[in-house]
Amino acid sequence: MANFRPISVLWIENKVALDVNRGARSFVRAEVNQKVETFFCAHPRGKICTSEVFDRDPMRIDILSLFPETFVSPLNQSIIKRAREQGLVDIVIHDIRDYTHDKHHTADDYPYGGGPGMVLKPEPIFEAAEAVEEQLGVVEIPIILLSPQGRLFSQSVAQELAIRPRLLLICGHYEGLDERVCEHLATDQISIGDYVLSGGELAALVVVDAVVRLIPGVLGSDDSAGSDSHSNGLLEYPQYTRPPVYRGWSVPEVLLSGNHGEIAEWRRRQAILRTAKRRPDLLEKGKICEEERRWILENLLSPK
């Protein structure tokens, strides 16, 4: 058993299935308990492996918004749609106006002290958040306010949020929210950049997309998220596909060589060079060694 090759796993519909793309040709369920399933897997070279896999509840993301229809199309497309269909993530949109108590469903009011615009009232937001907590049966859940005053969203923040089983996002609008929401309800504030949007809905979609793609099993390959720009502190290396020559522009020979060691080295150096040219402020995060620093200087001073 000790010589058997480990088999990677893929989350599908709240359970884990063996990743047959990594070499296992078939698998049979051999034993089932409440929480553990043991699979006997046929190795391509005739060896037999076992793998214990566990149930995994989907990540739950609740979003409070005045404009829930904003989320309909984006959450039903591409990667997020597949993740929801596979039971990897459950995303629930709540209309803040459903938690108002007057016949006009008033969710905003004029700011005390005067000034332009309207401010979101605290009552419906507090009640919506408390209703979510009651529904989930939890008393502590990360409650994130999307705000231009929050900490800057980044890949590392997305990774931090992706390990949470539950998230609650609050989308502001108009001139903002009553400060009591910020002080006594939100546990975190996140900004997606130093600019102002009409509301927090688009910012919430950015956060959801970045977080969901980090959930195990969401992307087709476990390596996909790890090679994205910013995942290792660097921008991603250049990508090419067929045809090998288009309008006289050729794919770099090394990518056609089949030499995986040389390809990995080329990609690493291209990622470093691209980062140095476009985002030199990120280089320190990329753990660049002295040899690579010298190589950067040579190629920046005398680019080919």
C-alpha atoms as a PDB file:
ATOM      1  CA  MET A   1       0.000   0.000   0.000  1.00  0.00           C
ATOM      2  CA  ALA A   2       2.825   2.409   0.814  1.00  0.00           C
ATOM      3  CA  ASN A   3       3.954   2.374  -2.835  1.00  0.00           C
ATOM      4  CA  PHE A   4       0.570   3.264  -4.233  1.00  0.00           C
ATOM      5  CA  ARG A   5       0.265   6.595  -6.011  1.00  0.00           C
ATOM      6  CA  PRO A   6      -2.052   9.018  -4.140  1.00  0.00           C
ATOM      7  CA  ILE A   7      -5.245   9.900  -5.969  1.00  0.00           C
ATOM      8  CA  SER A   8      -6.536  13.464  -6.051  1.00  0.00           C
ATOM      9  CA  VAL A   9     -10.189  14.122  -5.288  1.00  0.00           C
ATOM     10  CA  LEU A  10     -12.822  16.410  -6.778  1.00  0.00           C
ATOM     11  CA  TRP A  11     -15.876  17.800  -4.954  1.00  0.00           C
ATOM     12  CA  ILE A  12     -19.146  17.114  -6.807  1.00  0.00           C
ATOM     13  CA  GLU A  13     -22.640  17.649  -5.403  1.00  0.00           C
ATOM     14  CA  ASN A  14     -21.583  17.832  -1.752  1.00  0.00           C
ATOM     15  CA  LYS A  15     -19.525  14.654  -2.022  1.00  0.00           C
ATOM     16  CA  VAL A  16     -16.059  13.909  -3.285  1.00  0.00           C
ATOM     17  CA  ALA A  17     -15.453  11.864  -6.413  1.00  0.00           C
ATOM     18  CA  LEU A  18     -12.115  10.562  -7.563  1.00  0.00           C
ATOM     19  CA  ASP A  19     -10.429  12.605 -10.253  1.00  0.00           C
ATOM     20  CA  VAL A  20     -10.159  10.084 -13.071  1.00  0.00           C
ATOM     21  CA  ASN A  21      -8.210  12.585 -15.159  1.00  0.00           C
ATOM     22  CA  ARG A  22      -5.180  12.020 -12.934  1.00  0.00           C
ATOM     23  CA  GLY A  23      -4.770   8.352 -13.901  1.00  0.00           C
ATOM     24  CA  ALA A  24      -7.439   6.305 -12.140  1.00  0.00           C
ATOM     25  CA  ARG A  25      -9.341   4.453 -14.833  1.00  0.00           C
ATOM     26  CA  SER A  26     -12.264   3.276 -12.711  1.00  0.00           C
ATOM     27  CA  PHE A  27     -13.477   3.130  -9.127  1.00  0.00           C
ATOM     28  CA  VAL A  28     -16.010   1.104  -7.195  1.00  0.00           C
ATOM     29  CA  ARG A  29     -17.715   2.002  -3.924  1.00  0.00           C
ATOM     30  CA  ALA A  30     -16.686  -0.653  -1.441  1.00  0.00           C
ATOM     31  CA  GLU A  31     -17.837   0.541   1.935  1.00  0.00           C
ATOM     32  CA  VAL A  32     -20.228   3.293   3.023  1.00  0.00           C
ATOM     33  CA  ASN A  33     -20.551   4.870   6.454  1.00  0.00           C
ATOM     34  CA  GLN A  34     -22.350   8.053   7.446  1.00  0.00           C
ATOM     35  CA  LYS A  35     -19.360  10.255   6.841  1.00  0.00           C
ATOM     36  CA  VAL A  36     -16.702   8.088   5.179  1.00  0.00           C
ATOM     37  CA  GLU A  37     -16.691   6.343   1.829  1.00  0.00           C
ATOM     38  CA  THR A  38     -13.787   4.100   0.874  1.00  0.00           C
ATOM     39  CA  PHE A  39     -13.099   3.614  -2.825  1.00  0.00           C
ATOM     40  CA  PHE A  40     -10.939   0.929  -4.397  1.00  0.00           C
ATOM     41  CA  CYS A  41      -9.397   2.467  -7.479  1.00  0.00           C
ATOM     42  CA  ALA A  42      -7.821   0.812 -10.487  1.00  0.00           C
ATOM     43  CA  HIS A  43      -4.397   2.285 -11.145  1.00  0.00           C
ATOM     44  CA  PRO A  44      -3.454   2.535 -14.876  1.00  0.00           C
ATOM     45  CA  ARG A  45      -0.518   0.178 -14.195  1.00  0.00           C
ATOM     46  CA  GLY A  46      -2.689  -2.385 -12.474  1.00  0.00           C
ATOM     47  CA  LYS A  47      -2.131  -1.349  -8.857  1.00  0.00           C
ATOM     48  CA  ILE A  48      -5.018  -0.909  -6.441  1.00  0.00           C
ATOM     49  CA  CYS A  49      -5.336   2.176  -4.254  1.00  0.00           C
ATOM     50  CA  THR A  50      -7.798   3.220  -1.568  1.00  0.00           C
ATOM     51  CA  SER A  51      -8.952   6.728  -0.767  1.00  0.00           C
ATOM     52  CA  GLU A  52     -11.207   7.896   2.050  1.00  0.00           C
ATOM     53  CA  VAL A  53     -13.409  10.834   1.145  1.00  0.00           C
ATOM     54  CA  PHE A  54     -15.791  12.876   3.273  1.00  0.00           C
ATOM     55  CA  ASP A  55     -19.039  14.773   2.844  1.00  0.00           C
ATOM     56  CA  ARG A  56     -18.542  18.507   2.471  1.00  0.00           C
ATOM     57  CA  ASP A  57     -21.308  21.051   2.923  1.00  0.00           C
ATOM     58  CA  PRO A  58     -21.453  23.698   0.198  1.00  0.00           C
ATOM     59  CA  MET A  59     -20.148  27.144   0.982  1.00  0.00           C
ATOM     60  CA  ARG A  60     -23.040  29.511   1.706  1.00  0.00           C
ATOM     61  CA  ILE A  61     -22.954  33.157   0.574  1.00  0.00           C
ATOM     62  CA  ASP A  62     -25.863  35.456   1.460  1.00  0.00           C
ATOM     63  CA  ILE A  63     -26.110  38.898  -0.137  1.00  0.00           C
ATOM     64  CA  LEU A  64     -28.266  41.794   1.096  1.00  0.00           C
ATOM     65  CA  SER A  65     -29.217  44.238  -1.653  1.00  0.00           C
ATOM     66  CA  LEU A  66     -31.824  46.792  -2.670  1.00  0.00           C
ATOM     67  CA  PHE A  67     -31.541  45.522  -6.250  1.00  0.00           C
ATOM     68  CA  PRO A  68     -31.506  41.703  -6.191  1.00  0.00           C
ATOM     69  CA  GLU A  69     -32.217  41.489  -9.919  1.00  0.00           C
ATOM     70  CA  THR A  70     -28.656  42.721 -10.535  1.00  0.00           C
ATOM     71  CA  PHE A  71     -27.391  39.247  -9.596  1.00  0.00           C
ATOM     72  CA  VAL A  72     -29.669  37.115 -11.770  1.00  0.00           C
ATOM     73  CA  SER A  73     -27.574  36.939 -14.939  1.00  0.00           C
ATOM     74  CA  PRO A  74     -24.013  36.917 -13.511  1.00  0.00           C
ATOM     75  CA  LEU A  75     -24.779  34.128 -11.036  1.00  0.00           C
ATOM     76  CA  ASN A  76     -26.289  31.966 -13.769  1.00  0.00           C
ATOM     77  CA  GLN A  77     -23.330  32.000 -16.118  1.00  0.00           C
ATOM     78  CA  SER A  78     -20.104  30.062 -16.560  1.00  0.00           C
ATOM     79  CA  ILE A  79     -18.086  28.934 -13.542  1.00  0.00           C
ATOM     80  CA  ILE A  80     -20.439  30.216 -10.833  1.00  0.00           C
ATOM     81  CA  LYS A  81     -23.419  28.543 -12.480  1.00  0.00           C
ATOM     82  CA  ARG A  82     -21.596  25.194 -12.645  1.00  0.00           C
ATOM     83  CA  ALA A  83     -20.443  25.530  -9.031  1.00  0.00           C
ATOM     84  CA  ARG A  84     -24.018  26.107  -7.902  1.00  0.00           C
ATOM     85  CA  GLU A  85     -25.350  23.225  -9.983  1.00  0.00           C
ATOM     86  CA  GLN A  86     -22.703  20.897  -8.554  1.00  0.00           C
ATOM     87  CA  GLY A  87     -23.631  21.877  -5.018  1.00  0.00           C
ATOM     88  CA  LEU A  88     -20.267  23.453  -4.249  1.00  0.00           C
ATOM     89  CA  VAL A  89     -21.695  26.843  -3.324  1.00  0.00           C
ATOM     90  CA  ASP A  90     -25.119  28.111  -2.324  1.00  0.00           C
ATOM     91  CA  ILE A  91     -25.713  31.804  -3.077  1.00  0.00           C
ATOM     92  CA  VAL A  92     -28.858  33.445  -1.702  1.00  0.00           C
ATOM     93  CA  ILE A  93     -29.923  37.021  -2.505  1.00  0.00           C
ATOM     94  CA  HIS A  94     -32.082  38.920  -0.009  1.00  0.00           C
ATOM     95  CA  ASP A  95     -34.062  42.048  -0.871  1.00  0.00           C
ATOM     96  CA  ILE A  96     -33.470  44.555   1.924  1.00  0.00           C
ATOM     97  CA  ARG A  97     -36.932  46.024   1.296  1.00  0.00           C
ATOM     98  CA  ASP A  98     -38.505  42.728   2.423  1.00  0.00           C
ATOM     99  CA  TYR A  99     -37.423  43.646   5.948  1.00  0.00           C
ATOM    100  CA  THR A 100     -39.123  47.049   6.066  1.00  0.00           C
ATOM    101  CA  HIS A 101     -42.400  47.549   7.912  1.00  0.00           C
ATOM    102  CA  ASP A 102     -44.200  50.414   6.176  1.00  0.00           C
ATOM    103  CA  LYS A 103     -46.504  50.149   3.171  1.00  0.00           C
ATOM    104  CA  HIS A 104     -43.995  51.936   0.939  1.00  0.00           C
ATOM    105  CA  HIS A 105     -41.113  49.571   1.904  1.00  0.00           C
ATOM    106  CA  THR A 106     -38.910  52.534   2.770  1.00  0.00           C
ATOM    107  CA  ALA A 107     -35.262  51.493   3.144  1.00  0.00           C
ATOM    108  CA  ASP A 108     -33.604  54.921   3.106  1.00  0.00           C
ATOM    109  CA  ASP A 109     -34.069  58.376   4.601  1.00  0.00           C
ATOM    110  CA  TYR A 110     -32.547  61.856   4.628  1.00  0.00           C
ATOM    111  CA  PRO A 111     -29.228  62.242   6.481  1.00  0.00           C
ATOM    112  CA  TYR A 112     -29.231  63.909   9.881  1.00  0.00           C
ATOM    113  CA  GLY A 113     -27.411  67.228   9.711  1.00  0.00           C
ATOM    114  CA  GLY A 114     -28.431  67.785   6.112  1.00  0.00           C
ATOM    115  CA  GLY A 115     -26.531  67.111   2.940  1.00  0.00           C
ATOM    116  CA  PRO A 116     -27.185  65.578  -0.478  1.00  0.00           C
ATOM    117  CA  GLY A 117     -28.575  62.129  -1.161  1.00  0.00           C
ATOM    118  CA  MET A 118     -30.216  59.451   0.960  1.00  0.00           C
ATOM    119  CA  VAL A 119     -28.850  57.092   3.600  1.00  0.00           C
ATOM    120  CA  LEU A 120     -29.852  53.450   4.053  1.00  0.00           C
ATOM    121  CA  LYS A 121     -31.736  52.915   7.300  1.00  0.00           C
ATOM    122  CA  PRO A 122     -30.264  50.527   9.887  1.00  0.00           C
ATOM    123  CA  GLU A 123     -33.440  48.587  10.815  1.00  0.00           C
ATOM    124  CA  PRO A 124     -33.987  46.535   7.621  1.00  0.00           C
ATOM    125  CA  ILE A 125     -30.288  45.710   7.296  1.00  0.00           C
ATOM    126  CA  PHE A 126     -29.978  44.516  10.901  1.00  0.00           C
ATOM    127  CA  GLU A 127     -33.194  42.511  10.613  1.00  0.00           C
ATOM    128  CA  ALA A 128     -32.145  40.926   7.320  1.00  0.00           C
ATOM    129  CA  ALA A 129     -28.777  39.879   8.743  1.00  0.00           C
ATOM    130  CA  GLU A 130     -30.382  38.507  11.897  1.00  0.00           C
ATOM    131  CA  ALA A 131     -32.900  36.558   9.802  1.00  0.00           C
ATOM    132  CA  VAL A 132     -30.047  34.935   7.869  1.00  0.00           C
ATOM    133  CA  GLU A 133     -28.255  34.002  11.101  1.00  0.00           C
ATOM    134  CA  GLU A 134     -31.450  32.519  12.498  1.00  0.00           C
ATOM    135  CA  GLN A 135     -32.073  30.544   9.316  1.00  0.00           C
ATOM    136  CA  LEU A 136     -28.530  29.144   9.350  1.00  0.00           C
ATOM    137  CA  GLY A 137     -28.628  28.498  13.071  1.00  0.00           C
ATOM    138  CA  VAL A 138     -25.439  30.444  13.751  1.00  0.00           C
ATOM    139  CA  VAL A 139     -24.655  33.451  15.923  1.00  0.00           C
ATOM    140  CA  GLU A 140     -21.320  34.411  14.373  1.00  0.00           C
ATOM    141  CA  ILE A 141     -20.904  34.788  10.646  1.00  0.00           C
ATOM    142  CA  PRO A 142     -18.533  37.077   8.720  1.00  0.00           C
ATOM    143  CA  ILE A 143     -20.638  40.096   7.748  1.00  0.00           C
ATOM    144  CA  ILE A 144     -18.849  42.065   5.064  1.00  0.00           C
ATOM    145  CA  LEU A 145     -19.875  45.550   4.002  1.00  0.00           C
ATOM    146  CA  LEU A 146     -18.846  46.482   0.460  1.00  0.00           C
ATOM    147  CA  SER A 147     -17.584  50.023   0.908  1.00  0.00           C
ATOM    148  CA  PRO A 148     -15.013  52.367  -0.720  1.00  0.00           C
ATOM    149  CA  GLN A 149     -13.759  52.931   2.838  1.00  0.00           C
ATOM    150  CA  GLY A 150     -12.928  49.248   3.399  1.00  0.00           C
ATOM    151  CA  ARG A 151      -9.642  47.379   3.128  1.00  0.00           C
ATOM    152  CA  LEU A 152      -8.526  46.780  -0.434  1.00  0.00           C
ATOM    153  CA  PHE A 153      -9.664  43.501  -1.941  1.00  0.00           C
ATOM    154  CA  SER A 154      -6.884  41.282  -3.279  1.00  0.00           C
ATOM    155  CA  GLN A 155      -6.161  37.667  -4.128  1.00  0.00           C
ATOM    156  CA  SER A 156      -4.945  37.049  -0.589  1.00  0.00           C
ATOM    157  CA  VAL A 157      -8.216  38.422   0.805  1.00  0.00           C
ATOM    158  CA  ALA A 158     -10.134  36.146  -1.585  1.00  0.00           C
ATOM    159  CA  GLN A 159      -8.132  33.176  -0.296  1.00  0.00           C
ATOM    160  CA  GLU A 160      -8.889  34.242   3.271  1.00  0.00           C
ATOM    161  CA  LEU A 161     -12.635  34.366   2.559  1.00  0.00           C
ATOM    162  CA  ALA A 162     -12.705  31.144   0.521  1.00  0.00           C
ATOM    163  CA  ILE A 163     -11.968  28.990   3.573  1.00  0.00           C
ATOM    164  CA  ARG A 164     -15.011  30.354   5.399  1.00  0.00           C
ATOM    165  CA  PRO A 165     -18.075  28.086   5.286  1.00  0.00           C
ATOM    166  CA  ARG A 166     -20.423  31.106   5.273  1.00  0.00           C
ATOM    167  CA  LEU A 167     -20.279  34.741   4.226  1.00  0.00           C
ATOM    168  CA  LEU A 168     -22.822  37.559   4.394  1.00  0.00           C
ATOM    169  CA  LEU A 169     -22.274  40.500   2.039  1.00  0.00           C
ATOM    170  CA  ILE A 170     -24.052  43.850   2.457  1.00  0.00           C
ATOM    171  CA  CYS A 171     -24.416  46.065  -0.608  1.00  0.00           C
ATOM    172  CA  GLY A 172     -24.654  49.763   0.167  1.00  0.00           C
ATOM    173  CA  HIS A 173     -26.332  52.292  -2.094  1.00  0.00           C
ATOM    174  CA  TYR A 174     -27.085  55.990  -2.444  1.00  0.00           C
ATOM    175  CA  GLU A 175     -24.937  58.099  -0.079  1.00  0.00           C
ATOM    176  CA  GLY A 176     -24.120  55.096   2.106  1.00  0.00           C
ATOM    177  CA  LEU A 177     -25.460  53.335   5.168  1.00  0.00           C
ATOM    178  CA  ASP A 178     -26.285  54.455   8.664  1.00  0.00           C
ATOM    179  CA  GLU A 179     -22.982  54.341  10.570  1.00  0.00           C
ATOM    180  CA  ARG A 180     -24.499  52.012  13.161  1.00  0.00           C
ATOM    181  CA  VAL A 181     -24.452  49.246  10.541  1.00  0.00           C
ATOM    182  CA  CYS A 182     -20.701  49.766  10.118  1.00  0.00           C
ATOM    183  CA  GLU A 183     -19.996  49.934  13.849  1.00  0.00           C
ATOM    184  CA  HIS A 184     -22.306  47.296  15.298  1.00  0.00           C
ATOM    185  CA  LEU A 185     -23.186  44.827  12.536  1.00  0.00           C
ATOM    186  CA  ALA A 186     -20.446  44.542   9.911  1.00  0.00           C
ATOM    187  CA  THR A 187     -17.407  42.540  10.986  1.00  0.00           C
ATOM    188  CA  ASP A 188     -15.355  43.661   7.979  1.00  0.00           C
ATOM    189  CA  GLN A 189     -15.421  46.261   5.210  1.00  0.00           C
ATOM    190  CA  ILE A 190     -13.984  45.583   1.751  1.00  0.00           C
ATOM    191  CA  SER A 191     -13.297  47.900  -1.170  1.00  0.00           C
ATOM    192  CA  ILE A 192     -12.528  46.631  -4.676  1.00  0.00           C
ATOM    193  CA  GLY A 193     -10.641  49.803  -5.601  1.00  0.00           C
ATOM    194  CA  ASP A 194     -10.143  53.493  -5.089  1.00  0.00           C
ATOM    195  CA  TYR A 195     -13.191  54.641  -7.013  1.00  0.00           C
ATOM    196  CA  VAL A 196     -16.903  55.018  -6.327  1.00  0.00           C
ATOM    197  CA  LEU A 197     -19.701  52.874  -7.747  1.00  0.00           C
ATOM    198  CA  SER A 198     -23.434  53.540  -7.626  1.00  0.00           C
ATOM    199  CA  GLY A 199     -23.871  50.615  -5.242  1.00  0.00           C
ATOM    200  CA  GLY A 200     -22.189  47.601  -3.721  1.00  0.00           C
ATOM    201  CA  GLU A 201     -23.782  45.050  -6.058  1.00  0.00           C
ATOM    202  CA  LEU A 202     -20.987  45.039  -8.637  1.00  0.00           C
ATOM    203  CA  ALA A 203     -18.383  44.914  -5.881  1.00  0.00           C
ATOM    204  CA  ALA A 204     -20.195  41.946  -4.314  1.00  0.00           C
ATOM    205  CA  LEU A 205     -20.132  40.119  -7.658  1.00  0.00           C
ATOM    206  CA  VAL A 206     -16.385  40.712  -7.923  1.00  0.00           C
ATOM    207  CA  VAL A 207     -15.846  39.254  -4.453  1.00  0.00           C
ATOM    208  CA  VAL A 208     -18.145  36.281  -5.119  1.00  0.00           C
ATOM    209  CA  ASP A 209     -16.445  35.419  -8.403  1.00  0.00           C
ATOM    210  CA  ALA A 210     -12.931  35.634  -6.935  1.00  0.00           C
ATOM    211  CA  VAL A 211     -13.892  33.562  -3.892  1.00  0.00           C
ATOM    212  CA  VAL A 212     -15.973  30.868  -5.615  1.00  0.00           C
ATOM    213  CA  ARG A 213     -13.219  29.947  -8.080  1.00  0.00           C
ATOM    214  CA  LEU A 214     -11.002  29.090  -5.091  1.00  0.00           C
ATOM    215  CA  ILE A 215     -13.432  26.511  -3.683  1.00  0.00           C
ATOM    216  CA  PRO A 216     -12.014  22.998  -4.236  1.00  0.00           C
ATOM    217  CA  GLY A 217     -13.548  21.373  -7.305  1.00  0.00           C
ATOM    218  CA  VAL A 218     -14.930  24.546  -8.890  1.00  0.00           C
ATOM    219  CA  LEU A 219     -12.243  24.891 -11.564  1.00  0.00           C
ATOM    220  CA  GLY A 220     -11.520  22.101 -14.009  1.00  0.00           C
ATOM    221  CA  SER A 221      -7.965  21.741 -12.722  1.00  0.00           C
ATOM    222  CA  ASP A 222      -6.560  22.165  -9.235  1.00  0.00           C
ATOM    223  CA  ASP A 223      -3.628  24.013 -10.836  1.00  0.00           C
ATOM    224  CA  SER A 224      -5.785  26.657 -12.554  1.00  0.00           C
ATOM    225  CA  ALA A 225      -6.253  28.971  -9.572  1.00  0.00           C
ATOM    226  CA  GLY A 226      -2.625  28.539  -8.524  1.00  0.00           C
ATOM    227  CA  SER A 227      -1.316  29.814 -11.853  1.00  0.00           C
ATOM    228  CA  ASP A 228      -3.604  32.857 -12.073  1.00  0.00           C
ATOM    229  CA  SER A 229      -2.167  36.354 -11.850  1.00  0.00           C
ATOM    230  CA  HIS A 230      -1.585  37.434  -8.212  1.00  0.00           C
ATOM    231  CA  SER A 231      -1.991  33.884  -6.827  1.00  0.00           C
ATOM    232  CA  ASN A 232       1.761  33.645  -6.196  1.00  0.00           C
ATOM    233  CA  GLY A 233       2.459  37.370  -6.066  1.00  0.00           C
ATOM    234  CA  LEU A 234       3.268  37.646  -9.783  1.00  0.00           C
ATOM    235  CA  LEU A 235       1.288  38.367 -12.904  1.00  0.00           C
ATOM    236  CA  GLU A 236       0.519  35.307 -15.004  1.00  0.00           C
ATOM    237  CA  TYR A 237       2.883  34.246 -17.801  1.00  0.00           C
ATOM    238  CA  PRO A 238       1.784  34.622 -21.483  1.00  0.00           C
ATOM    239  CA  GLN A 239      -0.601  31.972 -22.801  1.00  0.00           C
ATOM    240  CA  TYR A 240      -0.832  30.616 -26.367  1.00  0.00           C
ATOM    241  CA  THR A 241      -3.009  28.119 -28.228  1.00  0.00           C
ATOM    242  CA  ARG A 242      -3.442  26.890 -31.824  1.00  0.00           C
ATOM    243  CA  PRO A 243      -2.506  27.798 -34.513  1.00  0.00           C
ATOM    244  CA  PRO A 244       1.285  27.773 -33.929  1.00  0.00           C
ATOM    245  CA  VAL A 245       1.676  30.644 -36.433  1.00  0.00           C
ATOM    246  CA  TYR A 246      -0.924  33.373 -36.975  1.00  0.00           C
ATOM    247  CA  ARG A 247      -0.333  36.318 -39.311  1.00  0.00           C
ATOM    248  CA  GLY A 248       3.368  35.694 -39.004  1.00  0.00           C
ATOM    249  CA  TRP A 249       3.359  35.698 -35.193  1.00  0.00           C
ATOM    250  CA  SER A 250       4.761  32.423 -33.863  1.00  0.00           C
ATOM    251  CA  VAL A 251       4.254  30.657 -30.562  1.00  0.00           C
ATOM    252  CA  PRO A 252       7.558  30.541 -28.616  1.00  0.00           C
ATOM    253  CA  GLU A 253       9.463  27.395 -29.576  1.00  0.00           C
ATOM    254  CA  VAL A 254       9.929  26.293 -25.983  1.00  0.00           C
ATOM    255  CA  LEU A 255       6.164  25.794 -25.569  1.00  0.00           C
ATOM    256  CA  LEU A 256       6.173  23.377 -28.498  1.00  0.00           C
ATOM    257  CA  SER A 257       9.229  21.445 -27.307  1.00  0.00           C
ATOM    258  CA  GLY A 258       7.490  19.095 -24.869  1.00  0.00           C
ATOM    259  CA  ASN A 259      10.280  19.719 -22.336  1.00  0.00           C
ATOM    260  CA  HIS A 260       8.274  20.394 -19.172  1.00  0.00           C
ATOM    261  CA  GLY A 261      11.279  21.595 -17.183  1.00  0.00           C
ATOM    262  CA  GLU A 262      12.191  24.212 -19.782  1.00  0.00           C
ATOM    263  CA  ILE A 263       8.543  25.232 -20.153  1.00  0.00           C
ATOM    264  CA  ALA A 264       8.197  25.735 -16.388  1.00  0.00           C
ATOM    265  CA  GLU A 265      11.401  27.818 -16.299  1.00  0.00           C
ATOM    266  CA  TRP A 266      10.242  29.917 -19.290  1.00  0.00           C
ATOM    267  CA  ARG A 267       6.861  30.557 -17.669  1.00  0.00           C
ATOM    268  CA  ARG A 268       8.439  31.533 -14.372  1.00  0.00           C
ATOM    269  CA  ARG A 269      10.797  34.003 -16.041  1.00  0.00           C
ATOM    270  CA  GLN A 270       8.068  35.432 -18.265  1.00  0.00           C
ATOM    271  CA  ALA A 271       5.837  35.956 -15.223  1.00  0.00           C
ATOM    272  CA  ILE A 272       8.689  37.744 -13.440  1.00  0.00           C
ATOM    273  CA  LEU A 273       9.509  39.899 -16.474  1.00  0.00           C
ATOM    274  CA  ARG A 274       5.870  40.808 -17.103  1.00  0.00           C
ATOM    275  CA  THR A 275       5.436  41.757 -13.437  1.00  0.00           C
ATOM    276  CA  ALA A 276       8.624  43.858 -13.504  1.00  0.00           C
ATOM    277  CA  LYS A 277       7.373  45.764 -16.559  1.00  0.00           C
ATOM    278  CA  ARG A 278       3.731  46.213 -15.622  1.00  0.00           C
ATOM    279  CA  ARG A 279       3.526  45.968 -11.818  1.00  0.00           C
ATOM    280  CA  PRO A 280       7.003  46.314 -10.289  1.00  0.00           C
ATOM    281  CA  ASP A 281       5.367  46.936  -6.914  1.00  0.00           C
ATOM    282  CA  LEU A 282       4.389  43.256  -6.818  1.00  0.00           C
ATOM    283  CA  LEU A 283       7.877  41.811  -7.220  1.00  0.00           C
ATOM    284  CA  GLU A 284       8.559  41.581  -3.508  1.00  0.00           C
ATOM    285  CA  LYS A 285       5.552  39.285  -3.127  1.00  0.00           C
ATOM    286  CA  GLY A 286       6.874  36.943  -5.796  1.00  0.00           C
ATOM    287  CA  LYS A 287       9.880  35.691  -3.784  1.00  0.00           C
ATOM    288  CA  ILE A 288      12.438  36.583  -6.439  1.00  0.00           C
ATOM    289  CA  CYS A 289      15.931  35.161  -5.878  1.00  0.00           C
ATOM    290  CA  GLU A 290      19.171  37.038  -6.637  1.00  0.00           C
ATOM    291  CA  GLU A 291      19.759  35.209  -9.908  1.00  0.00           C
ATOM    292  CA  GLU A 292      16.273  36.135 -11.085  1.00  0.00           C
ATOM    293  CA  ARG A 293      16.814  39.761 -10.076  1.00  0.00           C
ATOM    294  CA  ARG A 294      19.974  39.904 -12.209  1.00  0.00           C
ATOM    295  CA  TRP A 295      18.080  38.294 -15.092  1.00  0.00           C
ATOM    296  CA  ILE A 296      15.330  40.928 -14.775  1.00  0.00           C
ATOM    297  CA  LEU A 297      17.851  43.782 -14.974  1.00  0.00           C
ATOM    298  CA  GLU A 298      19.543  42.285 -18.017  1.00  0.00           C
ATOM    299  CA  ASN A 299      16.277  41.836 -19.874  1.00  0.00           C
ATOM    300  CA  LEU A 300      14.825  45.201 -18.912  1.00  0.00           C
ATOM    301  CA  LEU A 301      18.004  47.038 -19.977  1.00  0.00           C
ATOM    302  CA  SER A 302      18.393  45.080 -23.215  1.00  0.00           C
ATOM    303  CA  PRO A 303      15.006  43.639 -24.153  1.00  0.00           C
ATOM    304  CA  LYS A 304      14.945  41.285 -27.135  1.00  0.00           C
END
